[in-house]
Protein backbone atom coordinates (compact mmCIF):
# COMPACT_ATOMS: atom_id res chain seq x y z
CA MET A 1 24.00 19.59 -154.92
CA VAL A 2 22.06 16.37 -156.23
CA THR A 3 18.99 17.62 -158.34
CA LYS A 4 17.81 14.47 -159.67
CA LEU A 5 17.36 10.97 -158.11
CA GLU A 6 19.38 9.29 -160.74
CA GLU A 7 22.36 11.37 -159.52
CA LEU A 8 21.54 9.91 -156.00
CA LEU A 9 22.59 6.52 -157.30
CA GLU A 10 26.07 7.74 -158.41
CA LEU A 11 26.66 9.84 -155.05
CA VAL A 12 26.12 6.97 -152.92
CA LYS A 13 28.22 4.69 -155.06
CA SER A 14 31.02 7.05 -154.44
CA LYS A 15 30.74 6.65 -150.54
CA GLY A 16 31.41 2.89 -150.71
CA LYS A 17 29.21 -0.24 -150.34
CA LYS A 18 26.94 -0.82 -147.48
CA ARG A 19 25.30 -4.18 -146.23
CA LEU A 20 21.57 -4.24 -146.86
CA VAL A 21 19.22 -6.79 -145.07
CA ALA A 22 15.73 -7.12 -146.73
CA ALA A 23 12.92 -8.54 -144.86
CA TYR A 24 10.67 -11.14 -146.20
CA ALA A 25 12.18 -10.47 -149.85
CA ASN A 26 10.04 -12.86 -151.67
CA ASP A 27 8.71 -10.35 -154.45
CA SER A 28 9.94 -9.44 -157.82
CA HIS A 29 9.88 -5.53 -157.13
CA THR A 30 12.17 -5.93 -153.93
CA ILE A 31 14.48 -8.78 -155.49
CA GLY A 32 14.82 -6.44 -158.74
CA ALA A 33 15.56 -3.41 -156.86
CA VAL A 34 18.08 -5.07 -154.55
CA SER A 35 19.82 -6.89 -157.63
CA ALA A 36 20.08 -3.46 -159.40
CA ALA A 37 21.86 -1.98 -156.14
CA VAL A 38 24.15 -4.96 -156.05
CA ASP A 39 24.89 -4.42 -159.91
CA ARG A 40 25.47 -0.58 -159.28
CA GLY A 41 28.11 -1.40 -156.49
CA ILE A 42 25.92 0.28 -153.92
CA VAL A 43 25.24 -2.59 -151.68
CA ASP A 44 26.03 -6.24 -150.67
CA ALA A 45 22.75 -7.81 -149.90
CA THR A 46 21.19 -10.47 -147.58
CA LEU A 47 17.52 -11.59 -148.53
CA VAL A 48 15.47 -13.14 -145.69
CA GLY A 49 12.61 -15.03 -146.84
CA ASP A 50 11.37 -18.30 -148.30
CA ILE A 51 14.61 -19.46 -150.45
CA GLU A 52 12.59 -21.49 -152.86
CA THR A 53 10.34 -18.56 -153.65
CA ILE A 54 13.30 -16.29 -154.02
CA LYS A 55 15.07 -18.78 -156.37
CA ARG A 56 11.92 -18.93 -158.46
CA VAL A 57 11.47 -15.33 -158.81
CA CYS A 58 15.06 -14.82 -159.76
CA ALA A 59 14.91 -17.48 -162.38
CA GLU A 60 11.57 -15.85 -163.69
CA GLU A 61 13.36 -12.38 -163.90
CA GLY A 62 16.80 -13.53 -165.29
CA ILE A 63 18.69 -12.51 -161.93
CA ASP A 64 21.55 -14.57 -160.76
CA VAL A 65 20.55 -15.57 -157.28
CA ALA A 66 24.34 -16.12 -156.33
CA LYS A 67 24.94 -12.48 -155.97
CA PHE A 68 22.73 -12.47 -152.64
CA ASP A 69 23.13 -14.15 -149.17
CA LEU A 70 20.09 -16.10 -148.56
CA VAL A 71 18.48 -16.79 -145.20
CA GLN A 72 15.40 -19.03 -144.78
CA GLU A 73 12.33 -17.85 -143.06
CA ALA A 74 8.89 -18.47 -144.89
CA VAL A 75 6.81 -16.86 -142.34
CA ASP A 76 6.57 -12.93 -142.73
CA THR A 77 6.54 -11.89 -139.25
CA LYS A 78 9.35 -14.02 -138.37
CA ALA A 79 11.28 -12.91 -141.42
CA GLY A 80 11.09 -9.49 -140.14
CA ALA A 81 12.11 -10.25 -136.70
CA LEU A 82 15.07 -12.24 -138.25
CA ALA A 83 16.12 -9.40 -140.52
CA VAL A 84 16.41 -7.11 -137.51
CA THR A 85 18.36 -9.71 -135.52
CA LEU A 86 20.91 -9.76 -138.25
CA ILE A 87 21.24 -6.13 -138.07
CA ASN A 88 21.71 -6.25 -134.47
CA GLU A 89 24.41 -8.82 -134.73
CA GLY A 90 26.38 -6.45 -137.04
CA LYS A 91 25.63 -8.37 -140.21
CA GLY A 92 23.95 -5.36 -142.03
CA ASP A 93 24.18 -1.74 -142.07
CA PHE A 94 20.31 -0.96 -142.87
CA LEU A 95 17.12 -2.66 -143.22
CA MET A 96 14.68 -2.95 -145.99
CA LYS A 97 10.96 -3.83 -146.08
CA GLY A 98 9.97 -6.68 -148.57
CA LEU A 99 6.60 -8.32 -149.00
CA LEU A 100 5.42 -8.02 -145.55
CA SER A 101 2.97 -5.23 -144.59
CA THR A 102 4.10 -2.08 -143.04
CA ASP A 103 2.62 -2.62 -139.55
CA LYS A 104 4.55 -6.03 -139.34
CA TYR A 105 7.66 -4.34 -140.62
CA MET A 106 7.30 -1.35 -137.99
CA ARG A 107 6.50 -4.06 -135.29
CA ALA A 108 9.78 -5.79 -135.89
CA ILE A 109 11.74 -2.39 -135.71
CA LEU A 110 9.70 -1.09 -132.69
CA ASN A 111 10.23 -4.28 -130.54
CA LYS A 112 11.35 -3.28 -127.18
CA GLU A 113 13.67 -6.30 -126.57
CA ARG A 114 14.88 -6.99 -129.86
CA GLY A 115 14.06 -4.10 -132.19
CA LEU A 116 16.01 -1.28 -133.47
CA MET A 117 15.05 1.53 -131.38
CA PRO A 118 17.87 3.68 -129.76
CA ALA A 119 18.08 3.69 -125.81
CA THR A 120 17.10 7.46 -125.65
CA LYS A 121 13.71 8.48 -124.06
CA SER A 122 10.78 8.90 -126.44
CA PRO A 123 12.68 8.29 -129.71
CA THR A 124 10.78 9.78 -132.66
CA LEU A 125 10.55 7.80 -135.84
CA THR A 126 9.58 9.64 -139.16
CA HIS A 127 8.92 8.68 -142.55
CA MET A 128 11.11 10.83 -145.10
CA ALA A 129 10.62 11.12 -148.76
CA VAL A 130 12.82 12.65 -151.39
CA MET A 131 10.64 13.40 -154.38
CA GLN A 132 11.54 14.28 -157.96
CA VAL A 133 8.29 16.18 -159.09
CA PRO A 134 8.38 17.17 -162.77
CA ALA A 135 6.74 20.51 -162.14
CA TYR A 136 9.40 21.57 -159.61
CA HIS A 137 12.76 22.63 -160.23
CA LYS A 138 14.68 20.73 -157.71
CA LEU A 139 14.10 17.72 -155.30
CA LEU A 140 11.91 18.01 -152.32
CA VAL A 141 12.71 16.34 -149.02
CA CYS A 142 9.30 15.82 -147.17
CA SER A 143 8.13 14.45 -143.88
CA ASP A 144 6.02 13.01 -142.22
CA MET A 145 3.46 11.30 -144.53
CA ALA A 146 3.14 7.71 -142.93
CA ILE A 147 4.10 7.49 -139.17
CA ILE A 148 3.15 10.29 -137.05
CA PRO A 149 -0.46 11.33 -137.07
CA ALA A 150 -0.30 14.69 -135.46
CA PRO A 151 3.42 15.62 -134.47
CA ASP A 152 3.59 17.86 -131.51
CA PHE A 153 6.11 20.85 -131.44
CA LYS A 154 8.92 18.73 -130.12
CA GLN A 155 8.46 16.07 -132.65
CA LYS A 156 8.37 18.89 -135.39
CA GLN A 157 11.73 19.97 -134.10
CA THR A 158 13.11 16.36 -134.33
CA ILE A 159 11.63 15.90 -137.98
CA MET A 160 12.96 19.10 -139.03
CA ASN A 161 16.51 17.96 -138.03
CA TYR A 162 16.02 14.94 -140.01
CA LEU A 163 14.86 16.85 -143.15
CA ILE A 164 17.86 19.00 -142.84
CA GLN A 165 20.12 16.00 -142.32
CA VAL A 166 18.72 14.24 -145.39
CA ALA A 167 19.01 17.51 -147.55
CA LYS A 168 22.67 18.12 -146.53
CA SER A 169 23.37 14.37 -147.38
CA LEU A 170 22.40 15.39 -150.98
CA GLU A 171 25.01 17.94 -150.84
CA ASN A 172 22.90 20.93 -150.18
CA PRO A 173 25.07 23.05 -147.92
CA MET A 174 22.26 25.41 -146.69
CA PRO A 175 18.65 23.85 -147.17
CA LYS A 176 15.57 25.85 -146.99
CA VAL A 177 12.70 24.40 -145.05
CA ALA A 178 9.13 25.31 -145.12
CA VAL A 179 7.05 24.74 -142.16
CA LEU A 180 3.57 24.03 -143.96
CA ALA A 181 0.24 25.22 -142.67
CA ALA A 182 -2.95 26.02 -144.39
CA THR A 183 -2.03 29.67 -144.68
CA GLU A 184 1.01 31.85 -144.41
CA GLN A 185 -0.81 34.04 -142.01
CA VAL A 186 -0.06 33.58 -138.31
CA SER A 187 -3.53 32.44 -137.04
CA VAL A 188 -3.72 31.59 -133.24
CA ALA A 189 -6.68 29.38 -134.22
CA MET A 190 -4.42 26.85 -135.87
CA PRO A 191 -1.54 25.28 -133.91
CA ALA A 192 0.32 24.66 -137.22
CA CYS A 193 0.64 28.33 -137.88
CA ALA A 194 1.80 29.19 -134.32
CA GLU A 195 4.29 26.52 -134.44
CA GLY A 196 5.62 27.42 -137.86
CA ALA A 197 5.99 30.85 -136.57
CA TRP A 198 8.05 29.60 -133.48
CA LEU A 199 10.19 27.46 -135.61
CA GLY A 200 10.76 30.34 -138.12
CA MET A 201 11.74 32.63 -135.24
CA MET A 202 14.14 30.09 -133.84
CA SER A 203 15.86 29.99 -137.41
CA GLN A 204 16.20 33.87 -137.32
CA ARG A 205 17.78 33.77 -133.80
CA GLY A 206 20.28 31.21 -134.87
CA GLN A 207 18.92 28.24 -132.88
CA ILE A 208 18.76 26.14 -136.13
CA PRO A 209 21.98 26.15 -137.53
CA GLY A 210 22.77 24.99 -141.04
CA ALA A 211 19.52 25.73 -142.55
CA ILE A 212 17.07 28.62 -143.46
CA VAL A 213 13.66 27.99 -141.88
CA ASP A 214 10.48 29.92 -142.29
CA GLY A 215 6.88 29.38 -141.39
CA PRO A 216 4.01 29.28 -141.54
CA LEU A 217 3.90 28.83 -145.19
CA SER A 218 1.22 27.68 -147.14
CA LEU A 219 2.15 25.13 -149.87
CA ASP A 220 1.69 27.61 -152.72
CA CYS A 221 4.00 30.11 -151.18
CA ALA A 222 6.58 27.43 -150.42
CA ILE A 223 6.79 26.12 -153.94
CA ASP A 224 5.62 28.94 -156.17
CA LEU A 225 7.43 32.15 -156.08
CA GLU A 226 4.69 33.95 -158.03
CA SER A 227 2.22 33.07 -155.42
CA ALA A 228 4.49 34.53 -152.71
CA LYS A 229 4.91 37.81 -154.74
CA THR A 230 1.12 38.11 -155.24
CA LYS A 231 0.65 37.75 -151.47
CA LYS A 232 3.35 40.16 -150.86
CA LEU A 233 5.30 37.61 -148.79
CA THR A 234 8.90 38.29 -148.10
CA SER A 235 10.72 35.00 -147.48
CA GLU A 236 14.11 33.47 -148.46
CA VAL A 237 12.29 30.02 -148.51
CA ALA A 238 9.17 31.06 -150.41
CA GLY A 239 9.17 29.68 -154.15
CA ASP A 240 12.37 27.67 -153.51
CA ALA A 241 11.92 25.33 -150.68
CA ASP A 242 14.17 22.17 -150.39
CA CYS A 243 12.26 20.58 -147.46
CA LEU A 244 8.67 20.56 -146.45
CA LEU A 245 7.64 19.85 -142.93
CA PHE A 246 3.87 18.78 -142.96
CA PRO A 247 1.48 19.65 -139.95
CA ASN A 248 -0.14 16.32 -139.88
CA ILE A 249 -0.12 12.72 -141.45
CA GLU A 250 -3.28 13.80 -143.70
CA SER A 251 -1.59 16.64 -145.48
CA GLY A 252 1.48 14.88 -145.95
CA ASN A 253 0.13 11.58 -147.22
CA ILE A 254 -2.37 13.36 -149.56
CA PHE A 255 0.42 15.63 -150.98
CA TYR A 256 2.64 12.50 -151.44
CA LYS A 257 0.07 10.44 -153.26
CA ALA A 258 -1.01 13.46 -155.32
CA CYS A 259 2.44 14.07 -156.55
CA THR A 260 3.07 10.33 -157.58
CA LYS A 261 -0.44 9.32 -158.99
CA LEU A 262 -1.35 12.70 -160.62
CA ALA A 263 2.20 14.41 -161.40
CA GLY A 264 4.25 11.50 -162.08
CA ALA A 265 6.74 12.14 -159.34
CA GLU A 266 9.55 9.68 -158.63
CA LEU A 267 10.55 9.22 -155.18
CA ALA A 268 12.76 7.60 -152.57
CA CYS A 269 11.34 6.70 -149.09
CA MET A 270 12.73 5.60 -145.73
CA VAL A 271 12.27 5.73 -141.94
CA MET A 272 14.69 7.58 -139.77
CA GLY A 273 14.92 7.67 -135.81
CA ALA A 274 15.82 3.97 -135.58
CA ARG A 275 19.42 3.09 -134.82
CA VAL A 276 19.84 2.33 -138.64
CA PRO A 277 18.02 3.72 -141.52
CA CYS A 278 15.13 1.44 -142.76
CA VAL A 279 13.74 1.54 -146.34
CA LEU A 280 9.95 1.69 -146.26
CA THR A 281 8.26 1.66 -149.51
CA SER A 282 4.84 0.34 -150.57
CA ARG A 283 4.47 -3.23 -151.38
CA GLY A 284 3.14 -2.05 -154.79
CA ASP A 285 5.96 0.51 -155.41
CA THR A 286 8.06 -0.01 -158.64
CA ALA A 287 11.59 -1.51 -158.54
CA GLN A 288 12.83 1.82 -159.56
CA THR A 289 11.30 3.56 -156.52
CA LYS A 290 12.67 0.72 -154.33
CA LEU A 291 16.32 1.29 -155.86
CA TYR A 292 16.19 5.10 -155.16
CA SER A 293 15.06 4.10 -151.70
CA ILE A 294 17.84 1.65 -151.17
CA ALA A 295 20.25 4.40 -152.35
CA LEU A 296 18.81 7.10 -149.89
CA ALA A 297 19.02 4.72 -146.89
CA ALA A 298 22.43 3.78 -147.81
CA LEU A 299 23.47 7.40 -147.92
CA GLN A 300 22.35 7.75 -144.30
CA CYS A 301 24.37 5.12 -142.75
CA ARG A 302 26.90 5.96 -140.41
């Protein structure tokens, strides 16, 4: 089982190269991360953006621009659309966000005629993060922190399936999923508690194969065994969760930012639910975070 993000780089390398298309890759962090992924044998890469800017950044960073395929498009929205088109034409296995904003990136993915959405009814896109938190004893797979404001029960089932899929791709044969709420008590006044209980019951009845699911769980019980013992909570997941399913975007986003900004967490981020994995990081994220995110998305390619 992969226990550190650095191990993720070796795992994905063993699976063979994938083809990455980066949308509006005009910045040093994106180019640096893609360069490192190419050097490690993880991907072959196409950079869509302003070629003169890309060449200048490569010269400043000491990166050989010849290692990339370059496609000219100087306008950010058009670069996003063109990158998606290259994926649709079979010229890439997964997508990466460069310097364009998240809303413009998502707009290119969600475009009804030329985007990357599957043909199924009401597809669910979700933001996934694999987090290496110094205070925790293993990697945490988390969702949703950036896309779905308040997932309904059906969406939570879909998100949970993606959490399990990612955990298994990290060679975890039986991931433990904590369905989070404000309390581990089943309170009818809080929908997150009721839905957590339903998902936990479904797991006990064998309706969620390949994982152990429990809910509702408060965050302290999910990741701290001592807290669970103090509260006399009996659970296979408590204190040892591999996956965290958040009740809403506020709780997920605050957890994500608190871990990175206050606890020094390393992370890899991507979007699942489109026809191909889509790397989604902040424009301000480090090249290392973007490298880990490339590796995570490459691992999910079919």
